Amino acid sequence: MLTNNQSKYILSLQVKKYRQKYRNFLVEGEKMVAELLQQQRFGVVSIFGLERWAADHAALLQPFLQNFNPVSESELKKISTLTTPHSVLAVAQWPDELPEPVLASNDICLYLDGIQDPGNCGTILRIADWFGFPAVFCSPDTVDVLSPKVVQASMGAVLRIPSREMELSELLAACPSDTPVMGAVLGGADLFQSDLPGRGLLVIGNEGRGISPITEQLLTHRLTIPRHPAGHAESLNAAVATGILAAVLRNSVKTR
């Protein structure tokens, strides 16, 4: 049975300031909760699920029986962030260890500069996961990667890709001085014709404004994804652009 205090607490985690205060966030859905229960990075605070879910996942749930709270479909609907709730919701704990900036000195990491759309952010996390990027760093004005909508859109990638919120200047100050900083801007060098580094930061700008002027000043590699002569689109979606940039960067390392 779901208590009023439990309901209020879970609903509060839809708001960033309470996620930060309690250092907890929500994970919904059979697949993502199953992944949460099988990994070691995030602690499991509590699980709220239907009895049939518990029966179907008895072995997986066994180590967390003390954290399990059986709820009815109507109770689950009250606390779910989804229009059509799944059969389980979990409260997870923020990891104590955050990715170190030095990761960008040996590999390629993403830096999200003012990404606002949760769907874009979640998709970008999936792209980072697909291409094996070790971490995603975010500007303070980027949507919270642990918000329910981003977690859902990431399809579990948020559990696999370490992330950290920090200013780019602070991030670069902790990296070697020769760390490349790449980003797509108007008038940049053709992405497909450029000599690209196999390490550094790949900056992804805001959906409407692109990379901020302050951040653009810190770029060492100004790149452009060239539009085909027959194309007429004004711009690319931020996540689509990330996928293209990531694929080219990873391929450039293989072909050297």
C-alpha atoms as a PDB file:
ATOM      1  CA  MET A   1       0.000   0.000   0.000  1.00  0.00           C
ATOM      2  CA  LEU A   2       1.199   3.473  -0.917  1.00  0.00           C
ATOM      3  CA  THR A   3       1.256   5.998   1.944  1.00  0.00           C
ATOM      4  CA  ASN A   4       0.599   9.716   1.520  1.00  0.00           C
ATOM      5  CA  ASN A   5       4.171  10.511   2.557  1.00  0.00           C
ATOM      6  CA  GLN A   6       5.569   8.115  -0.017  1.00  0.00           C
ATOM      7  CA  SER A   7       3.347   9.594  -2.711  1.00  0.00           C
ATOM      8  CA  LYS A   8       4.353  13.169  -1.864  1.00  0.00           C
ATOM      9  CA  TYR A   9       8.028  12.234  -1.801  1.00  0.00           C
ATOM     10  CA  ILE A  10       7.940  10.474  -5.170  1.00  0.00           C
ATOM     11  CA  LEU A  11       6.025  13.330  -6.780  1.00  0.00           C
ATOM     12  CA  SER A  12       8.556  15.817  -5.374  1.00  0.00           C
ATOM     13  CA  LEU A  13      11.315  14.044  -7.322  1.00  0.00           C
ATOM     14  CA  GLN A  14       9.796  15.337 -10.547  1.00  0.00           C
ATOM     15  CA  VAL A  15      11.265  18.723  -9.527  1.00  0.00           C
ATOM     16  CA  LYS A  16      15.002  19.347  -9.890  1.00  0.00           C
ATOM     17  CA  LYS A  17      15.529  21.113  -6.553  1.00  0.00           C
ATOM     18  CA  TYR A  18      14.127  18.120  -4.678  1.00  0.00           C
ATOM     19  CA  ARG A  19      16.185  15.657  -6.717  1.00  0.00           C
ATOM     20  CA  GLN A  20      19.218  17.709  -5.714  1.00  0.00           C
ATOM     21  CA  LYS A  21      18.101  17.970  -2.090  1.00  0.00           C
ATOM     22  CA  TYR A  22      17.492  14.242  -1.599  1.00  0.00           C
ATOM     23  CA  ARG A  23      20.008  13.056  -4.230  1.00  0.00           C
ATOM     24  CA  ASN A  24      17.388  10.686  -5.609  1.00  0.00           C
ATOM     25  CA  PHE A  25      15.674  10.303  -8.988  1.00  0.00           C
ATOM     26  CA  LEU A  26      12.963   8.196 -10.633  1.00  0.00           C
ATOM     27  CA  VAL A  27      13.314   5.236 -12.980  1.00  0.00           C
ATOM     28  CA  GLU A  28      10.187   3.808 -14.626  1.00  0.00           C
ATOM     29  CA  GLY A  29       9.437   0.793 -16.758  1.00  0.00           C
ATOM     30  CA  GLU A  30      10.163  -2.915 -16.641  1.00  0.00           C
ATOM     31  CA  LYS A  31      13.306  -2.787 -18.767  1.00  0.00           C
ATOM     32  CA  MET A  32      14.958   0.192 -17.077  1.00  0.00           C
ATOM     33  CA  VAL A  33      14.110  -0.913 -13.541  1.00  0.00           C
ATOM     34  CA  ALA A  34      15.500  -4.356 -14.353  1.00  0.00           C
ATOM     35  CA  GLU A  35      18.722  -2.725 -15.539  1.00  0.00           C
ATOM     36  CA  LEU A  36      18.815  -0.547 -12.406  1.00  0.00           C
ATOM     37  CA  LEU A  37      18.583  -3.643 -10.204  1.00  0.00           C
ATOM     38  CA  GLN A  38      21.422  -5.357 -12.071  1.00  0.00           C
ATOM     39  CA  GLN A  39      23.980  -2.533 -12.013  1.00  0.00           C
ATOM     40  CA  GLN A  40      26.247  -1.295  -9.215  1.00  0.00           C
ATOM     41  CA  ARG A  41      26.637   2.440  -9.862  1.00  0.00           C
ATOM     42  CA  PHE A  42      23.287   3.695  -8.576  1.00  0.00           C
ATOM     43  CA  GLY A  43      21.856   2.677  -5.227  1.00  0.00           C
ATOM     44  CA  VAL A  44      18.264   1.432  -5.097  1.00  0.00           C
ATOM     45  CA  VAL A  45      16.229   3.334  -2.502  1.00  0.00           C
ATOM     46  CA  SER A  46      12.777   1.869  -3.073  1.00  0.00           C
ATOM     47  CA  ILE A  47      10.688  -0.017  -5.631  1.00  0.00           C
ATOM     48  CA  PHE A  48       6.946   0.385  -6.195  1.00  0.00           C
ATOM     49  CA  GLY A  49       5.476  -2.336  -8.372  1.00  0.00           C
ATOM     50  CA  LEU A  50       2.442  -4.422  -9.159  1.00  0.00           C
ATOM     51  CA  GLU A  51       2.246  -7.893  -7.634  1.00  0.00           C
ATOM     52  CA  ARG A  52       2.392  -9.483 -11.087  1.00  0.00           C
ATOM     53  CA  TRP A  53       5.629  -7.622 -11.825  1.00  0.00           C
ATOM     54  CA  ALA A  54       7.106  -8.893  -8.563  1.00  0.00           C
ATOM     55  CA  ALA A  55       6.066 -12.456  -9.393  1.00  0.00           C
ATOM     56  CA  ASP A  56       7.562 -12.262 -12.891  1.00  0.00           C
ATOM     57  CA  HIS A  57      10.839 -10.834 -11.560  1.00  0.00           C
ATOM     58  CA  ALA A  58      11.161 -12.754  -8.298  1.00  0.00           C
ATOM     59  CA  ALA A  59      14.818 -13.687  -8.767  1.00  0.00           C
ATOM     60  CA  LEU A  60      15.817 -10.169  -9.771  1.00  0.00           C
ATOM     61  CA  LEU A  61      13.869  -8.684  -6.870  1.00  0.00           C
ATOM     62  CA  GLN A  62      15.193 -11.101  -4.234  1.00  0.00           C
ATOM     63  CA  PRO A  63      18.156  -8.926  -3.074  1.00  0.00           C
ATOM     64  CA  PHE A  64      15.834  -5.899  -2.823  1.00  0.00           C
ATOM     65  CA  LEU A  65      12.811  -7.361  -1.033  1.00  0.00           C
ATOM     66  CA  GLN A  66      13.290  -4.925   1.850  1.00  0.00           C
ATOM     67  CA  ASN A  67      12.990  -2.061  -0.655  1.00  0.00           C
ATOM     68  CA  PHE A  68       9.890  -3.378  -2.414  1.00  0.00           C
ATOM     69  CA  ASN A  69       6.453  -1.823  -1.927  1.00  0.00           C
ATOM     70  CA  PRO A  70       3.516  -3.589  -3.618  1.00  0.00           C
ATOM     71  CA  VAL A  71       1.036  -1.118  -5.094  1.00  0.00           C
ATOM     72  CA  SER A  72      -2.180  -1.274  -7.077  1.00  0.00           C
ATOM     73  CA  GLU A  73      -2.574   0.040 -10.620  1.00  0.00           C
ATOM     74  CA  SER A  74      -4.431   3.102  -9.335  1.00  0.00           C
ATOM     75  CA  GLU A  75      -1.688   3.839  -6.810  1.00  0.00           C
ATOM     76  CA  LEU A  76       1.001   3.448  -9.442  1.00  0.00           C
ATOM     77  CA  LYS A  77      -0.859   5.836 -11.716  1.00  0.00           C
ATOM     78  CA  LYS A  78      -0.834   8.475  -8.939  1.00  0.00           C
ATOM     79  CA  ILE A  79       2.949   8.513  -8.731  1.00  0.00           C
ATOM     80  CA  SER A  80       3.876   7.791 -12.349  1.00  0.00           C
ATOM     81  CA  THR A  81       5.205  10.496 -14.660  1.00  0.00           C
ATOM     82  CA  LEU A  82       3.747   8.644 -17.654  1.00  0.00           C
ATOM     83  CA  THR A  83       0.305   8.971 -19.200  1.00  0.00           C
ATOM     84  CA  THR A  84       0.143   5.179 -19.368  1.00  0.00           C
ATOM     85  CA  PRO A  85       2.183   3.832 -16.434  1.00  0.00           C
ATOM     86  CA  HIS A  86       4.271   0.687 -16.626  1.00  0.00           C
ATOM     87  CA  SER A  87       4.077  -1.957 -13.919  1.00  0.00           C
ATOM     88  CA  VAL A  88       6.970  -0.685 -11.792  1.00  0.00           C
ATOM     89  CA  LEU A  89       8.680   2.509 -10.634  1.00  0.00           C
ATOM     90  CA  ALA A  90      11.898   2.794  -8.652  1.00  0.00           C
ATOM     91  CA  VAL A  91      13.649   5.514  -6.679  1.00  0.00           C
ATOM     92  CA  ALA A  92      17.400   5.482  -7.304  1.00  0.00           C
ATOM     93  CA  GLN A  93      20.238   7.281  -5.551  1.00  0.00           C
ATOM     94  CA  TRP A  94      22.706   9.608  -7.247  1.00  0.00           C
ATOM     95  CA  PRO A  95      26.163   8.073  -7.638  1.00  0.00           C
ATOM     96  CA  ASP A  96      28.868   9.301  -5.272  1.00  0.00           C
ATOM     97  CA  GLU A  97      31.523   9.176  -7.994  1.00  0.00           C
ATOM     98  CA  LEU A  98      31.326  11.691 -10.847  1.00  0.00           C
ATOM     99  CA  PRO A  99      33.250  11.479 -14.134  1.00  0.00           C
ATOM    100  CA  GLU A 100      36.607  13.240 -14.061  1.00  0.00           C
ATOM    101  CA  PRO A 101      37.404  15.948 -16.653  1.00  0.00           C
ATOM    102  CA  VAL A 102      40.662  14.173 -17.461  1.00  0.00           C
ATOM    103  CA  LEU A 103      38.616  11.598 -19.406  1.00  0.00           C
ATOM    104  CA  ALA A 104      38.579  14.082 -22.282  1.00  0.00           C
ATOM    105  CA  SER A 105      42.371  13.992 -22.506  1.00  0.00           C
ATOM    106  CA  ASN A 106      42.369  10.369 -23.671  1.00  0.00           C
ATOM    107  CA  ASP A 107      38.986   9.922 -25.361  1.00  0.00           C
ATOM    108  CA  ILE A 108      36.056  11.943 -26.704  1.00  0.00           C
ATOM    109  CA  CYS A 109      33.481  13.225 -24.236  1.00  0.00           C
ATOM    110  CA  LEU A 110      30.352  15.233 -24.963  1.00  0.00           C
ATOM    111  CA  TYR A 111      29.642  18.671 -23.544  1.00  0.00           C
ATOM    112  CA  LEU A 112      25.997  19.784 -23.707  1.00  0.00           C
ATOM    113  CA  ASP A 113      25.791  23.563 -23.945  1.00  0.00           C
ATOM    114  CA  GLY A 114      22.273  24.661 -23.036  1.00  0.00           C
ATOM    115  CA  ILE A 115      20.349  21.645 -24.361  1.00  0.00           C
ATOM    116  CA  GLN A 116      16.768  22.201 -23.186  1.00  0.00           C
ATOM    117  CA  ASP A 117      14.592  19.509 -24.723  1.00  0.00           C
ATOM    118  CA  PRO A 118      14.438  16.334 -22.572  1.00  0.00           C
ATOM    119  CA  GLY A 119      13.853  14.177 -25.648  1.00  0.00           C
ATOM    120  CA  ASN A 120      16.968  15.555 -27.337  1.00  0.00           C
ATOM    121  CA  CYS A 121      19.009  15.139 -24.161  1.00  0.00           C
ATOM    122  CA  GLY A 122      17.898  11.542 -23.676  1.00  0.00           C
ATOM    123  CA  THR A 123      18.615  10.722 -27.319  1.00  0.00           C
ATOM    124  CA  ILE A 124      22.072  12.310 -27.067  1.00  0.00           C
ATOM    125  CA  LEU A 125      22.805  10.098 -24.053  1.00  0.00           C
ATOM    126  CA  ARG A 126      21.815   7.089 -26.160  1.00  0.00           C
ATOM    127  CA  ILE A 127      24.177   8.272 -28.909  1.00  0.00           C
ATOM    128  CA  ALA A 128      27.002   8.655 -26.396  1.00  0.00           C
ATOM    129  CA  ASP A 129      26.290   5.125 -25.189  1.00  0.00           C
ATOM    130  CA  TRP A 130      26.184   3.741 -28.763  1.00  0.00           C
ATOM    131  CA  PHE A 131      29.519   5.265 -29.721  1.00  0.00           C
ATOM    132  CA  GLY A 132      31.226   4.392 -26.454  1.00  0.00           C
ATOM    133  CA  PHE A 133      31.889   7.900 -25.160  1.00  0.00           C
ATOM    134  CA  PRO A 134      33.050   7.624 -21.533  1.00  0.00           C
ATOM    135  CA  ALA A 135      31.148  10.633 -20.154  1.00  0.00           C
ATOM    136  CA  VAL A 136      28.742  13.476 -20.855  1.00  0.00           C
ATOM    137  CA  PHE A 137      29.341  16.859 -19.236  1.00  0.00           C
ATOM    138  CA  CYS A 138      26.562  19.450 -19.064  1.00  0.00           C
ATOM    139  CA  SER A 139      26.373  23.217 -18.674  1.00  0.00           C
ATOM    140  CA  PRO A 140      24.307  24.431 -15.698  1.00  0.00           C
ATOM    141  CA  ASP A 141      21.553  25.598 -18.079  1.00  0.00           C
ATOM    142  CA  THR A 142      21.192  22.185 -19.719  1.00  0.00           C
ATOM    143  CA  VAL A 143      18.118  20.169 -18.759  1.00  0.00           C
ATOM    144  CA  ASP A 144      18.771  17.876 -15.789  1.00  0.00           C
ATOM    145  CA  VAL A 145      19.843  14.477 -17.127  1.00  0.00           C
ATOM    146  CA  LEU A 146      18.145  12.798 -14.161  1.00  0.00           C
ATOM    147  CA  SER A 147      14.749  14.384 -14.812  1.00  0.00           C
ATOM    148  CA  PRO A 148      12.038  11.764 -15.469  1.00  0.00           C
ATOM    149  CA  LYS A 149      11.597  12.774 -19.120  1.00  0.00           C
ATOM    150  CA  VAL A 150      15.318  12.576 -19.881  1.00  0.00           C
ATOM    151  CA  VAL A 151      15.680   9.257 -18.048  1.00  0.00           C
ATOM    152  CA  GLN A 152      12.760   7.870 -20.057  1.00  0.00           C
ATOM    153  CA  ALA A 153      14.054   9.203 -23.387  1.00  0.00           C
ATOM    154  CA  SER A 154      17.522   7.786 -22.706  1.00  0.00           C
ATOM    155  CA  MET A 155      16.121   4.237 -22.705  1.00  0.00           C
ATOM    156  CA  GLY A 156      18.495   3.305 -19.908  1.00  0.00           C
ATOM    157  CA  ALA A 157      21.586   5.058 -21.278  1.00  0.00           C
ATOM    158  CA  VAL A 158      21.552   7.413 -18.282  1.00  0.00           C
ATOM    159  CA  LEU A 159      22.388   4.372 -16.136  1.00  0.00           C
ATOM    160  CA  ARG A 160      25.385   3.503 -18.305  1.00  0.00           C
ATOM    161  CA  ILE A 161      26.899   6.888 -19.249  1.00  0.00           C
ATOM    162  CA  PRO A 162      28.370   8.925 -16.368  1.00  0.00           C
ATOM    163  CA  SER A 163      27.351  12.582 -16.426  1.00  0.00           C
ATOM    164  CA  ARG A 164      28.315  15.728 -14.581  1.00  0.00           C
ATOM    165  CA  GLU A 165      27.130  19.338 -14.501  1.00  0.00           C
ATOM    166  CA  MET A 166      29.878  21.973 -14.667  1.00  0.00           C
ATOM    167  CA  GLU A 167      30.901  25.107 -16.532  1.00  0.00           C
ATOM    168  CA  LEU A 168      33.052  24.490 -19.592  1.00  0.00           C
ATOM    169  CA  SER A 169      35.741  26.841 -18.283  1.00  0.00           C
ATOM    170  CA  GLU A 170      35.918  24.825 -15.058  1.00  0.00           C
ATOM    171  CA  LEU A 171      36.057  21.588 -17.025  1.00  0.00           C
ATOM    172  CA  LEU A 172      38.885  22.813 -19.253  1.00  0.00           C
ATOM    173  CA  ALA A 173      40.834  24.131 -16.269  1.00  0.00           C
ATOM    174  CA  ALA A 174      41.006  20.553 -14.996  1.00  0.00           C
ATOM    175  CA  CYS A 175      42.142  19.175 -18.379  1.00  0.00           C
ATOM    176  CA  PRO A 176      45.560  19.346 -20.069  1.00  0.00           C
ATOM    177  CA  SER A 177      46.019  22.662 -21.897  1.00  0.00           C
ATOM    178  CA  ASP A 178      46.144  20.944 -25.293  1.00  0.00           C
ATOM    179  CA  THR A 179      42.701  19.299 -24.938  1.00  0.00           C
ATOM    180  CA  PRO A 180      40.787  19.782 -28.224  1.00  0.00           C
ATOM    181  CA  VAL A 181      37.345  21.397 -28.023  1.00  0.00           C
ATOM    182  CA  MET A 182      35.194  20.707 -31.086  1.00  0.00           C
ATOM    183  CA  GLY A 183      31.831  22.139 -32.054  1.00  0.00           C
ATOM    184  CA  ALA A 184      29.585  22.629 -35.088  1.00  0.00           C
ATOM    185  CA  VAL A 185      29.142  26.290 -36.053  1.00  0.00           C
ATOM    186  CA  LEU A 186      28.199  28.246 -39.158  1.00  0.00           C
ATOM    187  CA  GLY A 187      31.202  28.867 -41.352  1.00  0.00           C
ATOM    188  CA  GLY A 188      33.298  26.139 -39.770  1.00  0.00           C
ATOM    189  CA  ALA A 189      35.532  23.654 -41.567  1.00  0.00           C
ATOM    190  CA  ASP A 190      33.847  20.855 -43.498  1.00  0.00           C
ATOM    191  CA  LEU A 191      33.425  17.988 -41.020  1.00  0.00           C
ATOM    192  CA  PHE A 192      34.103  15.366 -43.684  1.00  0.00           C
ATOM    193  CA  GLN A 193      37.293  17.033 -44.926  1.00  0.00           C
ATOM    194  CA  SER A 194      38.840  17.923 -41.565  1.00  0.00           C
ATOM    195  CA  ASP A 195      41.707  16.294 -39.701  1.00  0.00           C
ATOM    196  CA  LEU A 196      39.900  15.408 -36.499  1.00  0.00           C
ATOM    197  CA  PRO A 197      41.416  14.596 -33.114  1.00  0.00           C
ATOM    198  CA  GLY A 198      40.639  11.275 -31.454  1.00  0.00           C
ATOM    199  CA  ARG A 199      40.185  12.887 -28.054  1.00  0.00           C
ATOM    200  CA  GLY A 200      38.781  16.012 -26.459  1.00  0.00           C
ATOM    201  CA  LEU A 201      35.355  17.542 -25.988  1.00  0.00           C
ATOM    202  CA  LEU A 202      32.569  17.616 -28.552  1.00  0.00           C
ATOM    203  CA  VAL A 203      30.281  20.547 -27.754  1.00  0.00           C
ATOM    204  CA  ILE A 204      26.580  20.259 -28.658  1.00  0.00           C
ATOM    205  CA  GLY A 205      24.779  23.596 -28.706  1.00  0.00           C
ATOM    206  CA  ASN A 206      21.266  24.680 -27.806  1.00  0.00           C
ATOM    207  CA  GLU A 207      18.456  23.583 -30.134  1.00  0.00           C
ATOM    208  CA  GLY A 208      17.609  27.124 -31.257  1.00  0.00           C
ATOM    209  CA  ARG A 209      20.633  29.308 -30.509  1.00  0.00           C
ATOM    210  CA  GLY A 210      23.397  26.814 -31.136  1.00  0.00           C
ATOM    211  CA  ILE A 211      26.661  27.063 -29.189  1.00  0.00           C
ATOM    212  CA  SER A 212      26.708  30.088 -26.894  1.00  0.00           C
ATOM    213  CA  PRO A 213      29.122  32.946 -27.765  1.00  0.00           C
ATOM    214  CA  ILE A 214      31.143  32.384 -24.580  1.00  0.00           C
ATOM    215  CA  THR A 215      31.505  28.680 -25.319  1.00  0.00           C
ATOM    216  CA  GLU A 216      32.291  29.299 -28.978  1.00  0.00           C
ATOM    217  CA  GLN A 217      35.345  31.337 -27.965  1.00  0.00           C
ATOM    218  CA  LEU A 218      36.758  28.202 -26.332  1.00  0.00           C
ATOM    219  CA  LEU A 219      36.490  26.019 -29.440  1.00  0.00           C
ATOM    220  CA  THR A 220      39.746  24.840 -30.967  1.00  0.00           C
ATOM    221  CA  HIS A 221      38.010  23.057 -33.876  1.00  0.00           C
ATOM    222  CA  ARG A 222      35.135  24.904 -35.561  1.00  0.00           C
ATOM    223  CA  LEU A 223      33.264  22.413 -37.717  1.00  0.00           C
ATOM    224  CA  THR A 224      30.280  22.442 -40.065  1.00  0.00           C
ATOM    225  CA  ILE A 225      28.119  19.550 -41.252  1.00  0.00           C
ATOM    226  CA  PRO A 226      27.782  20.549 -44.923  1.00  0.00           C
ATOM    227  CA  ARG A 227      24.313  20.603 -46.401  1.00  0.00           C
ATOM    228  CA  HIS A 228      23.854  18.747 -49.677  1.00  0.00           C
ATOM    229  CA  PRO A 229      23.372  21.092 -52.657  1.00  0.00           C
ATOM    230  CA  ALA A 230      19.881  19.674 -53.131  1.00  0.00           C
ATOM    231  CA  GLY A 231      18.973  20.163 -49.472  1.00  0.00           C
ATOM    232  CA  HIS A 232      16.872  23.061 -48.196  1.00  0.00           C
ATOM    233  CA  ALA A 233      16.523  22.416 -44.445  1.00  0.00           C
ATOM    234  CA  GLU A 234      17.567  25.397 -42.353  1.00  0.00           C
ATOM    235  CA  SER A 235      19.227  23.326 -39.646  1.00  0.00           C
ATOM    236  CA  LEU A 236      19.578  19.878 -38.099  1.00  0.00           C
ATOM    237  CA  ASN A 237      18.031  18.641 -34.878  1.00  0.00           C
ATOM    238  CA  ALA A 238      20.626  18.717 -32.059  1.00  0.00           C
ATOM    239  CA  ALA A 239      20.481  14.962 -31.503  1.00  0.00           C
ATOM    240  CA  VAL A 240      20.705  14.226 -35.248  1.00  0.00           C
ATOM    241  CA  ALA A 241      23.744  16.494 -35.514  1.00  0.00           C
ATOM    242  CA  THR A 242      25.294  14.732 -32.522  1.00  0.00           C
ATOM    243  CA  GLY A 243      24.855  11.361 -34.211  1.00  0.00           C
ATOM    244  CA  ILE A 244      26.575  12.563 -37.399  1.00  0.00           C
ATOM    245  CA  LEU A 245      29.441  14.217 -35.529  1.00  0.00           C
ATOM    246  CA  ALA A 246      29.938  11.184 -33.278  1.00  0.00           C
ATOM    247  CA  ALA A 247      29.968   8.742 -36.183  1.00  0.00           C
ATOM    248  CA  VAL A 248      32.522  10.784 -38.137  1.00  0.00           C
ATOM    249  CA  LEU A 249      34.755  11.315 -35.103  1.00  0.00           C
ATOM    250  CA  ARG A 250      34.805   7.628 -34.232  1.00  0.00           C
ATOM    251  CA  ASN A 251      35.398   6.647 -37.853  1.00  0.00           C
ATOM    252  CA  SER A 252      38.246   9.152 -38.228  1.00  0.00           C
ATOM    253  CA  VAL A 253      40.149   7.380 -35.450  1.00  0.00           C
ATOM    254  CA  LYS A 254      39.727   3.982 -37.135  1.00  0.00           C
ATOM    255  CA  THR A 255      40.907   5.202 -40.543  1.00  0.00           C
ATOM    256  CA  ARG A 256      44.147   6.822 -39.379  1.00  0.00           C
END
